[in-house]
Amino acid sequence: MADHDRLHPLRPLLKNWVWEHGRIGTRYLDCIDGEIKFDEGKKSRFAAEAYVYVPLDKEVDDDASVEGPAIQEAGLARFLKAAQLGKPEEAGSVADVQRAVADCLELGLFSAYQMEAQAAFARYAQEPMFEDEIRAAVVDDIRRSYAGVREQLALYDLSVLYGLPIPLLISEAPFIDWRVRASPALPFVSLPLGPYCLLVGAPSGRKSRIGPVVWKAAAAMGPLKDHNRHIVEHARLWLVATTDDQLVAAQSRFAAPKGTKPEDARP
């Protein structure tokens, strides 16, 4: 399958940022050229970068032909829609929600290690190594960095914050580990599920991997108020918002060419 035909791993989440009033599509900032653009339709064609999948479960053999984690698409779509609408009762059964949240975390980690994986491939490509040796070295590196994180997240208490007062941004790397990103460190991880809903994980102290997902109506971001700033600071390819104003505010970080007119991107 050609890269341009392959569905982006974050597309299930990106659907919640699609503007459906009038002209249907997605507002985004191209971080490469600094231009604000509008992607027509619901396919998130702007998110077209190649992905490297590494199974973080060390018990699973690596298979280069596998393109990503096994996701239960229908259940995930139902959960994400319910989160954006702030209607927990429409998210599915307890088991369905737990599976959808687990899928979200898999996608979050999948996106989180992409830059490191691409850099590792480039680095090992300079060495006198065969392709399968390069692949094996990259897999070892990524597992060393992220397998432990995945195991920790399996024991976290997970909450869906919905009805947030300020629309969230999303980029190609939306998973935030506040334990290492924030200063001072905060005991959270997060993943934006839509402009007004956020998945948040915190240490539980449990030793069991099965815990309920808690839904919380949130009138404020609290300690996670810097979410959008972290998303902007770590965006390298694209940045998606629900309004042009949010993208214009972030545009100065990127090399906007002369003559850029953000208003041209408005639907």
C-alpha atoms as a PDB file:
ATOM      1  CA  MET A   1       0.000   0.000   0.000  1.00  0.00           C
ATOM      2  CA  ALA A   2       1.405   3.385  -0.956  1.00  0.00           C
ATOM      3  CA  ASP A   3       2.106   5.807   1.873  1.00  0.00           C
ATOM      4  CA  HIS A   4      -0.415   8.324   0.521  1.00  0.00           C
ATOM      5  CA  ASP A   5      -3.157   5.668   0.651  1.00  0.00           C
ATOM      6  CA  ARG A   6      -2.333   4.463   4.152  1.00  0.00           C
ATOM      7  CA  LEU A   7      -4.604   5.676   6.932  1.00  0.00           C
ATOM      8  CA  HIS A   8      -2.737   7.734   9.504  1.00  0.00           C
ATOM      9  CA  PRO A   9      -2.648   6.066  12.962  1.00  0.00           C
ATOM     10  CA  LEU A  10      -4.046   9.215  14.603  1.00  0.00           C
ATOM     11  CA  ARG A  11      -6.896   9.586  12.111  1.00  0.00           C
ATOM     12  CA  PRO A  12      -9.512   8.252  14.599  1.00  0.00           C
ATOM     13  CA  LEU A  13      -8.609  11.126  16.931  1.00  0.00           C
ATOM     14  CA  LEU A  14      -8.265  13.706  14.162  1.00  0.00           C
ATOM     15  CA  LYS A  15     -11.887  13.128  13.140  1.00  0.00           C
ATOM     16  CA  ASN A  16     -12.923  15.049  16.259  1.00  0.00           C
ATOM     17  CA  TRP A  17     -11.143  18.144  14.881  1.00  0.00           C
ATOM     18  CA  VAL A  18     -12.939  18.064  11.524  1.00  0.00           C
ATOM     19  CA  TRP A  19     -14.946  21.238  10.962  1.00  0.00           C
ATOM     20  CA  GLU A  20     -18.408  20.244   9.755  1.00  0.00           C
ATOM     21  CA  HIS A  21     -20.173  23.602   9.508  1.00  0.00           C
ATOM     22  CA  GLY A  22     -20.284  24.730   5.901  1.00  0.00           C
ATOM     23  CA  ARG A  23     -17.015  23.682   4.307  1.00  0.00           C
ATOM     24  CA  ILE A  24     -16.010  20.311   5.775  1.00  0.00           C
ATOM     25  CA  GLY A  25     -12.347  19.804   6.631  1.00  0.00           C
ATOM     26  CA  THR A  26      -9.499  20.463   9.045  1.00  0.00           C
ATOM     27  CA  ARG A  27      -7.644  23.651   9.894  1.00  0.00           C
ATOM     28  CA  TYR A  28      -3.958  22.992  10.393  1.00  0.00           C
ATOM     29  CA  LEU A  29      -0.571  24.666  10.500  1.00  0.00           C
ATOM     30  CA  ASP A  30       2.050  23.107   8.241  1.00  0.00           C
ATOM     31  CA  CYS A  31       5.104  23.189  10.499  1.00  0.00           C
ATOM     32  CA  ILE A  32       7.458  22.698   7.546  1.00  0.00           C
ATOM     33  CA  ASP A  33       6.582  25.859   5.631  1.00  0.00           C
ATOM     34  CA  GLY A  34       4.759  27.759   8.374  1.00  0.00           C
ATOM     35  CA  GLU A  35       1.546  28.135   6.359  1.00  0.00           C
ATOM     36  CA  ILE A  36      -1.961  27.813   7.748  1.00  0.00           C
ATOM     37  CA  LYS A  37      -3.985  25.512   5.521  1.00  0.00           C
ATOM     38  CA  PHE A  38      -7.368  23.826   5.206  1.00  0.00           C
ATOM     39  CA  ASP A  39      -7.577  20.119   4.399  1.00  0.00           C
ATOM     40  CA  GLU A  40     -10.808  19.400   2.543  1.00  0.00           C
ATOM     41  CA  GLY A  41     -12.921  16.457   3.673  1.00  0.00           C
ATOM     42  CA  LYS A  42     -12.547  14.009   6.543  1.00  0.00           C
ATOM     43  CA  LYS A  43      -9.534  11.954   5.501  1.00  0.00           C
ATOM     44  CA  SER A  44      -6.755  13.964   7.212  1.00  0.00           C
ATOM     45  CA  ARG A  45      -4.622  13.812   4.074  1.00  0.00           C
ATOM     46  CA  PHE A  46      -2.199  16.351   5.535  1.00  0.00           C
ATOM     47  CA  ALA A  47      -1.114  13.718   8.069  1.00  0.00           C
ATOM     48  CA  ALA A  48       0.885  11.643   5.609  1.00  0.00           C
ATOM     49  CA  GLU A  49       4.214  10.993   7.304  1.00  0.00           C
ATOM     50  CA  ALA A  50       5.657   7.476   7.331  1.00  0.00           C
ATOM     51  CA  TYR A  51       5.378   5.572  10.613  1.00  0.00           C
ATOM     52  CA  VAL A  52       7.667   2.926  12.091  1.00  0.00           C
ATOM     53  CA  TYR A  53       5.855   0.383  14.256  1.00  0.00           C
ATOM     54  CA  VAL A  54       7.651  -1.393  17.084  1.00  0.00           C
ATOM     55  CA  PRO A  55       5.677  -3.858  19.250  1.00  0.00           C
ATOM     56  CA  LEU A  56       6.542  -2.747  22.783  1.00  0.00           C
ATOM     57  CA  ASP A  57       5.500  -6.073  24.299  1.00  0.00           C
ATOM     58  CA  LYS A  58       8.802  -7.934  24.472  1.00  0.00           C
ATOM     59  CA  GLU A  59       6.937 -11.236  24.278  1.00  0.00           C
ATOM     60  CA  VAL A  60       5.760 -10.346  20.769  1.00  0.00           C
ATOM     61  CA  ASP A  61       8.124 -11.043  17.889  1.00  0.00           C
ATOM     62  CA  ASP A  62       8.870  -8.064  15.679  1.00  0.00           C
ATOM     63  CA  ASP A  63       7.343  -8.253  12.209  1.00  0.00           C
ATOM     64  CA  ALA A  64       8.332  -5.448   9.843  1.00  0.00           C
ATOM     65  CA  SER A  65       5.199  -6.038   7.751  1.00  0.00           C
ATOM     66  CA  VAL A  66       2.900  -5.020  10.629  1.00  0.00           C
ATOM     67  CA  GLU A  67       2.047  -1.330  10.226  1.00  0.00           C
ATOM     68  CA  GLY A  68       0.629  -0.546  13.651  1.00  0.00           C
ATOM     69  CA  PRO A  69      -1.068  -1.800  16.811  1.00  0.00           C
ATOM     70  CA  ALA A  70      -4.267  -3.827  16.477  1.00  0.00           C
ATOM     71  CA  ILE A  71      -7.058  -1.322  17.088  1.00  0.00           C
ATOM     72  CA  GLN A  72     -10.765  -2.060  17.512  1.00  0.00           C
ATOM     73  CA  GLU A  73     -11.888   0.746  15.217  1.00  0.00           C
ATOM     74  CA  ALA A  74     -15.654   0.710  15.780  1.00  0.00           C
ATOM     75  CA  GLY A  75     -15.372   0.737  19.566  1.00  0.00           C
ATOM     76  CA  LEU A  76     -12.691   3.414  19.466  1.00  0.00           C
ATOM     77  CA  ALA A  77     -14.800   5.632  17.193  1.00  0.00           C
ATOM     78  CA  ARG A  78     -17.820   5.307  19.492  1.00  0.00           C
ATOM     79  CA  PHE A  79     -15.721   6.158  22.560  1.00  0.00           C
ATOM     80  CA  LEU A  80     -14.076   9.184  20.927  1.00  0.00           C
ATOM     81  CA  LYS A  81     -17.420  10.575  19.767  1.00  0.00           C
ATOM     82  CA  ALA A  82     -18.898  10.149  23.250  1.00  0.00           C
ATOM     83  CA  ALA A  83     -15.887  11.883  24.802  1.00  0.00           C
ATOM     84  CA  GLN A  84     -16.175  14.860  22.463  1.00  0.00           C
ATOM     85  CA  LEU A  85     -19.931  15.158  23.066  1.00  0.00           C
ATOM     86  CA  GLY A  86     -19.490  14.727  26.826  1.00  0.00           C
ATOM     87  CA  LYS A  87     -21.861  11.749  26.885  1.00  0.00           C
ATOM     88  CA  PRO A  88     -20.264   8.852  28.822  1.00  0.00           C
ATOM     89  CA  GLU A  89     -23.469   6.845  28.484  1.00  0.00           C
ATOM     90  CA  GLU A  90     -22.888   6.608  24.727  1.00  0.00           C
ATOM     91  CA  ALA A  91     -19.316   5.300  24.983  1.00  0.00           C
ATOM     92  CA  GLY A  92     -20.229   1.617  25.203  1.00  0.00           C
ATOM     93  CA  SER A  93     -19.916  -0.999  27.931  1.00  0.00           C
ATOM     94  CA  VAL A  94     -17.284  -0.878  30.662  1.00  0.00           C
ATOM     95  CA  ALA A  95     -15.228  -3.431  28.746  1.00  0.00           C
ATOM     96  CA  ASP A  96     -15.657  -1.483  25.500  1.00  0.00           C
ATOM     97  CA  VAL A  97     -14.429   1.723  27.143  1.00  0.00           C
ATOM     98  CA  GLN A  98     -11.455  -0.025  28.725  1.00  0.00           C
ATOM     99  CA  ARG A  99     -10.477  -1.455  25.348  1.00  0.00           C
ATOM    100  CA  ALA A 100     -10.899   1.928  23.636  1.00  0.00           C
ATOM    101  CA  VAL A 101      -8.759   3.660  26.253  1.00  0.00           C
ATOM    102  CA  ALA A 102      -6.102   0.961  25.893  1.00  0.00           C
ATOM    103  CA  ASP A 103      -6.169   1.559  22.125  1.00  0.00           C
ATOM    104  CA  CYS A 104      -5.748   5.304  22.714  1.00  0.00           C
ATOM    105  CA  LEU A 105      -2.679   4.681  24.850  1.00  0.00           C
ATOM    106  CA  GLU A 106      -1.230   2.364  22.199  1.00  0.00           C
ATOM    107  CA  LEU A 107      -1.718   5.067  19.559  1.00  0.00           C
ATOM    108  CA  GLY A 108      -0.285   7.696  21.885  1.00  0.00           C
ATOM    109  CA  LEU A 109       2.901   5.727  22.485  1.00  0.00           C
ATOM    110  CA  PHE A 110       3.069   4.766  18.802  1.00  0.00           C
ATOM    111  CA  SER A 111       3.188   8.458  17.898  1.00  0.00           C
ATOM    112  CA  ALA A 112       5.513   9.314  20.793  1.00  0.00           C
ATOM    113  CA  TYR A 113       8.469   7.229  19.633  1.00  0.00           C
ATOM    114  CA  GLN A 114       8.354   8.124  15.935  1.00  0.00           C
ATOM    115  CA  MET A 115      10.995  10.845  15.986  1.00  0.00           C
ATOM    116  CA  GLU A 116      13.352   8.639  17.982  1.00  0.00           C
ATOM    117  CA  ALA A 117      12.740   5.677  15.663  1.00  0.00           C
ATOM    118  CA  GLN A 118      13.338   7.705  12.499  1.00  0.00           C
ATOM    119  CA  ALA A 119      16.546   9.146  13.976  1.00  0.00           C
ATOM    120  CA  ALA A 120      17.714   5.652  14.937  1.00  0.00           C
ATOM    121  CA  PHE A 121      17.099   4.350  11.411  1.00  0.00           C
ATOM    122  CA  ALA A 122      19.109   7.240   9.969  1.00  0.00           C
ATOM    123  CA  ARG A 123      21.922   6.669  12.452  1.00  0.00           C
ATOM    124  CA  TYR A 124      22.215   2.921  11.906  1.00  0.00           C
ATOM    125  CA  ALA A 125      21.963   3.384   8.132  1.00  0.00           C
ATOM    126  CA  GLN A 126      25.410   4.976   8.310  1.00  0.00           C
ATOM    127  CA  GLU A 127      26.830   1.766   9.776  1.00  0.00           C
ATOM    128  CA  PRO A 128      27.912  -1.333   7.785  1.00  0.00           C
ATOM    129  CA  MET A 129      24.714  -3.205   8.659  1.00  0.00           C
ATOM    130  CA  PHE A 130      22.111  -5.174   6.723  1.00  0.00           C
ATOM    131  CA  GLU A 131      18.514  -3.918   6.675  1.00  0.00           C
ATOM    132  CA  ASP A 132      17.306  -6.588   9.084  1.00  0.00           C
ATOM    133  CA  GLU A 133      20.141  -5.733  11.475  1.00  0.00           C
ATOM    134  CA  ILE A 134      19.221  -2.048  11.325  1.00  0.00           C
ATOM    135  CA  ARG A 135      15.587  -2.896  12.012  1.00  0.00           C
ATOM    136  CA  ALA A 136      16.543  -5.097  14.977  1.00  0.00           C
ATOM    137  CA  ALA A 137      18.759  -2.361  16.439  1.00  0.00           C
ATOM    138  CA  VAL A 138      15.971   0.219  16.136  1.00  0.00           C
ATOM    139  CA  VAL A 139      13.484  -2.150  17.783  1.00  0.00           C
ATOM    140  CA  ASP A 140      15.896  -2.715  20.677  1.00  0.00           C
ATOM    141  CA  ASP A 141      16.371   1.035  21.142  1.00  0.00           C
ATOM    142  CA  ILE A 142      12.662   1.824  21.143  1.00  0.00           C
ATOM    143  CA  ARG A 143      11.784  -1.044  23.462  1.00  0.00           C
ATOM    144  CA  ARG A 144      14.513   0.052  25.847  1.00  0.00           C
ATOM    145  CA  SER A 145      12.990   3.540  26.008  1.00  0.00           C
ATOM    146  CA  TYR A 146       9.262   2.789  25.862  1.00  0.00           C
ATOM    147  CA  ALA A 147       8.458  -0.783  26.944  1.00  0.00           C
ATOM    148  CA  GLY A 148       8.718   0.225  30.602  1.00  0.00           C
ATOM    149  CA  VAL A 149       6.442   3.212  30.022  1.00  0.00           C
ATOM    150  CA  ARG A 150       3.807   0.948  28.475  1.00  0.00           C
ATOM    151  CA  GLU A 151       3.975  -1.388  31.482  1.00  0.00           C
ATOM    152  CA  GLN A 152       3.562   1.564  33.860  1.00  0.00           C
ATOM    153  CA  LEU A 153       0.545   2.891  31.968  1.00  0.00           C
ATOM    154  CA  ALA A 154      -1.182  -0.482  32.282  1.00  0.00           C
ATOM    155  CA  LEU A 155      -1.387   0.177  36.036  1.00  0.00           C
ATOM    156  CA  TYR A 156      -2.461   3.829  35.850  1.00  0.00           C
ATOM    157  CA  ASP A 157      -5.804   5.273  36.875  1.00  0.00           C
ATOM    158  CA  LEU A 158      -7.331   6.714  33.721  1.00  0.00           C
ATOM    159  CA  SER A 159      -9.818   9.560  33.453  1.00  0.00           C
ATOM    160  CA  VAL A 160     -11.644  11.199  30.575  1.00  0.00           C
ATOM    161  CA  LEU A 161     -11.970  14.936  31.150  1.00  0.00           C
ATOM    162  CA  TYR A 162     -14.739  16.353  28.972  1.00  0.00           C
ATOM    163  CA  GLY A 163     -16.406  19.717  28.450  1.00  0.00           C
ATOM    164  CA  LEU A 164     -13.080  21.550  28.711  1.00  0.00           C
ATOM    165  CA  PRO A 165     -13.330  25.359  28.561  1.00  0.00           C
ATOM    166  CA  ILE A 166     -10.535  25.910  26.023  1.00  0.00           C
ATOM    167  CA  PRO A 167     -10.174  23.939  22.762  1.00  0.00           C
ATOM    168  CA  LEU A 168      -7.164  21.640  22.691  1.00  0.00           C
ATOM    169  CA  LEU A 169      -4.570  21.426  19.954  1.00  0.00           C
ATOM    170  CA  ILE A 170      -3.250  18.184  18.496  1.00  0.00           C
ATOM    171  CA  SER A 171      -0.050  17.450  16.580  1.00  0.00           C
ATOM    172  CA  GLU A 172       1.706  14.405  15.174  1.00  0.00           C
ATOM    173  CA  ALA A 173       3.050  13.767  18.707  1.00  0.00           C
ATOM    174  CA  PRO A 174       0.070  14.400  21.022  1.00  0.00           C
ATOM    175  CA  PHE A 175       1.026  12.094  23.906  1.00  0.00           C
ATOM    176  CA  ILE A 176       2.447  14.141  26.798  1.00  0.00           C
ATOM    177  CA  ASP A 177       4.393  12.548  29.637  1.00  0.00           C
ATOM    178  CA  TRP A 178       4.138  15.284  32.238  1.00  0.00           C
ATOM    179  CA  ARG A 179       6.624  13.414  34.434  1.00  0.00           C
ATOM    180  CA  VAL A 180       9.429  14.425  32.080  1.00  0.00           C
ATOM    181  CA  ARG A 181       7.895  17.287  30.063  1.00  0.00           C
ATOM    182  CA  ALA A 182       6.708  19.588  32.859  1.00  0.00           C
ATOM    183  CA  SER A 183       8.867  21.610  35.234  1.00  0.00           C
ATOM    184  CA  PRO A 184       8.381  20.841  38.034  1.00  0.00           C
ATOM    185  CA  ALA A 185       7.417  17.304  37.046  1.00  0.00           C
ATOM    186  CA  LEU A 186       3.763  16.305  37.352  1.00  0.00           C
ATOM    187  CA  PRO A 187       2.580  12.701  37.906  1.00  0.00           C
ATOM    188  CA  PHE A 188       0.418  12.556  34.777  1.00  0.00           C
ATOM    189  CA  VAL A 189       0.318  11.461  31.167  1.00  0.00           C
ATOM    190  CA  SER A 190      -2.244  12.804  28.719  1.00  0.00           C
ATOM    191  CA  LEU A 191      -3.624  12.411  25.212  1.00  0.00           C
ATOM    192  CA  PRO A 192      -6.122  14.803  23.586  1.00  0.00           C
ATOM    193  CA  LEU A 193      -9.176  12.896  22.349  1.00  0.00           C
ATOM    194  CA  GLY A 194     -10.906  15.895  20.803  1.00  0.00           C
ATOM    195  CA  PRO A 195     -10.930  19.689  21.088  1.00  0.00           C
ATOM    196  CA  TYR A 196     -12.821  19.514  24.380  1.00  0.00           C
ATOM    197  CA  CYS A 197     -11.807  16.177  25.897  1.00  0.00           C
ATOM    198  CA  LEU A 198      -8.571  14.816  27.314  1.00  0.00           C
ATOM    199  CA  LEU A 199      -7.481  11.351  28.443  1.00  0.00           C
ATOM    200  CA  VAL A 200      -5.405  11.623  31.621  1.00  0.00           C
ATOM    201  CA  GLY A 201      -3.469   8.907  33.424  1.00  0.00           C
ATOM    202  CA  ALA A 202      -2.048   9.029  36.950  1.00  0.00           C
ATOM    203  CA  PRO A 203      -0.245   6.454  39.134  1.00  0.00           C
ATOM    204  CA  SER A 204      -2.715   4.259  40.999  1.00  0.00           C
ATOM    205  CA  GLY A 205      -0.681   2.121  43.360  1.00  0.00           C
ATOM    206  CA  ARG A 206      -2.602  -0.885  42.017  1.00  0.00           C
ATOM    207  CA  LYS A 207      -0.937  -4.111  40.980  1.00  0.00           C
ATOM    208  CA  SER A 208      -3.909  -5.242  38.914  1.00  0.00           C
ATOM    209  CA  ARG A 209      -4.073  -4.200  35.277  1.00  0.00           C
ATOM    210  CA  ILE A 210      -7.846  -3.777  35.330  1.00  0.00           C
ATOM    211  CA  GLY A 211      -9.184  -0.485  36.628  1.00  0.00           C
ATOM    212  CA  PRO A 212     -12.296   1.545  35.836  1.00  0.00           C
ATOM    213  CA  VAL A 213     -12.144   4.527  33.507  1.00  0.00           C
ATOM    214  CA  VAL A 214     -13.532   7.601  35.275  1.00  0.00           C
ATOM    215  CA  TRP A 215     -15.426  10.321  33.396  1.00  0.00           C
ATOM    216  CA  LYS A 216     -15.161  13.864  34.759  1.00  0.00           C
ATOM    217  CA  ALA A 217     -16.814  17.063  33.565  1.00  0.00           C
ATOM    218  CA  ALA A 218     -14.001  19.623  33.763  1.00  0.00           C
ATOM    219  CA  ALA A 219     -14.612  23.356  33.994  1.00  0.00           C
ATOM    220  CA  ALA A 220     -10.863  24.052  34.131  1.00  0.00           C
ATOM    221  CA  MET A 221      -7.590  22.441  33.023  1.00  0.00           C
ATOM    222  CA  GLY A 222      -6.035  22.698  36.490  1.00  0.00           C
ATOM    223  CA  PRO A 223      -2.408  21.487  36.563  1.00  0.00           C
ATOM    224  CA  LEU A 224      -2.652  20.563  32.865  1.00  0.00           C
ATOM    225  CA  LYS A 225      -3.254  24.175  31.799  1.00  0.00           C
ATOM    226  CA  ASP A 226      -0.038  24.196  29.739  1.00  0.00           C
ATOM    227  CA  HIS A 227      -1.259  21.375  27.492  1.00  0.00           C
ATOM    228  CA  ASN A 228      -1.452  23.440  24.316  1.00  0.00           C
ATOM    229  CA  ARG A 229       1.941  25.019  24.929  1.00  0.00           C
ATOM    230  CA  HIS A 230       3.561  21.576  25.164  1.00  0.00           C
ATOM    231  CA  ILE A 231       1.777  20.435  22.000  1.00  0.00           C
ATOM    232  CA  VAL A 232       3.056  23.477  20.087  1.00  0.00           C
ATOM    233  CA  GLU A 233       6.616  23.163  21.397  1.00  0.00           C
ATOM    234  CA  HIS A 234       6.929  19.546  20.266  1.00  0.00           C
ATOM    235  CA  ALA A 235       5.114  19.802  16.929  1.00  0.00           C
ATOM    236  CA  ARG A 236       7.428  19.207  13.978  1.00  0.00           C
ATOM    237  CA  LEU A 237       5.129  18.379  11.058  1.00  0.00           C
ATOM    238  CA  TRP A 238       1.606  19.665  11.618  1.00  0.00           C
ATOM    239  CA  LEU A 239      -0.581  21.304  14.218  1.00  0.00           C
ATOM    240  CA  VAL A 240      -4.383  21.088  14.197  1.00  0.00           C
ATOM    241  CA  ALA A 241      -6.844  23.468  15.850  1.00  0.00           C
ATOM    242  CA  THR A 242     -10.512  24.372  15.675  1.00  0.00           C
ATOM    243  CA  THR A 243      -9.844  28.084  15.060  1.00  0.00           C
ATOM    244  CA  ASP A 244      -7.418  30.102  12.961  1.00  0.00           C
ATOM    245  CA  ASP A 245      -6.588  32.248  15.997  1.00  0.00           C
ATOM    246  CA  GLN A 246      -4.900  29.335  17.771  1.00  0.00           C
ATOM    247  CA  LEU A 247      -2.802  28.561  14.711  1.00  0.00           C
ATOM    248  CA  VAL A 248      -1.847  32.196  14.122  1.00  0.00           C
ATOM    249  CA  ALA A 249      -0.653  32.389  17.736  1.00  0.00           C
ATOM    250  CA  ALA A 250       1.644  29.398  17.152  1.00  0.00           C
ATOM    251  CA  GLN A 251       2.795  30.405  13.673  1.00  0.00           C
ATOM    252  CA  SER A 252       5.752  32.507  14.828  1.00  0.00           C
ATOM    253  CA  ARG A 253       7.549  29.338  15.987  1.00  0.00           C
ATOM    254  CA  PHE A 254       7.775  28.123  12.421  1.00  0.00           C
ATOM    255  CA  ALA A 255       9.303  29.524   9.245  1.00  0.00           C
ATOM    256  CA  ALA A 256       6.323  31.301   7.745  1.00  0.00           C
ATOM    257  CA  PRO A 257       7.150  32.553   4.254  1.00  0.00           C
ATOM    258  CA  LYS A 258       6.477  36.127   3.235  1.00  0.00           C
ATOM    259  CA  GLY A 259       3.006  36.793   1.953  1.00  0.00           C
ATOM    260  CA  THR A 260       1.279  34.121   4.058  1.00  0.00           C
ATOM    261  CA  LYS A 261      -2.369  35.032   4.548  1.00  0.00           C
ATOM    262  CA  PRO A 262      -4.002  32.871   7.236  1.00  0.00           C
ATOM    263  CA  GLU A 263      -7.417  34.218   6.293  1.00  0.00           C
ATOM    264  CA  ASP A 264      -7.130  32.401   2.956  1.00  0.00           C
ATOM    265  CA  ALA A 265      -7.380  29.107   4.845  1.00  0.00           C
ATOM    266  CA  ARG A 266     -10.744  29.872   6.369  1.00  0.00           C
ATOM    267  CA  PRO A 267     -13.635  27.728   5.196  1.00  0.00           C
END
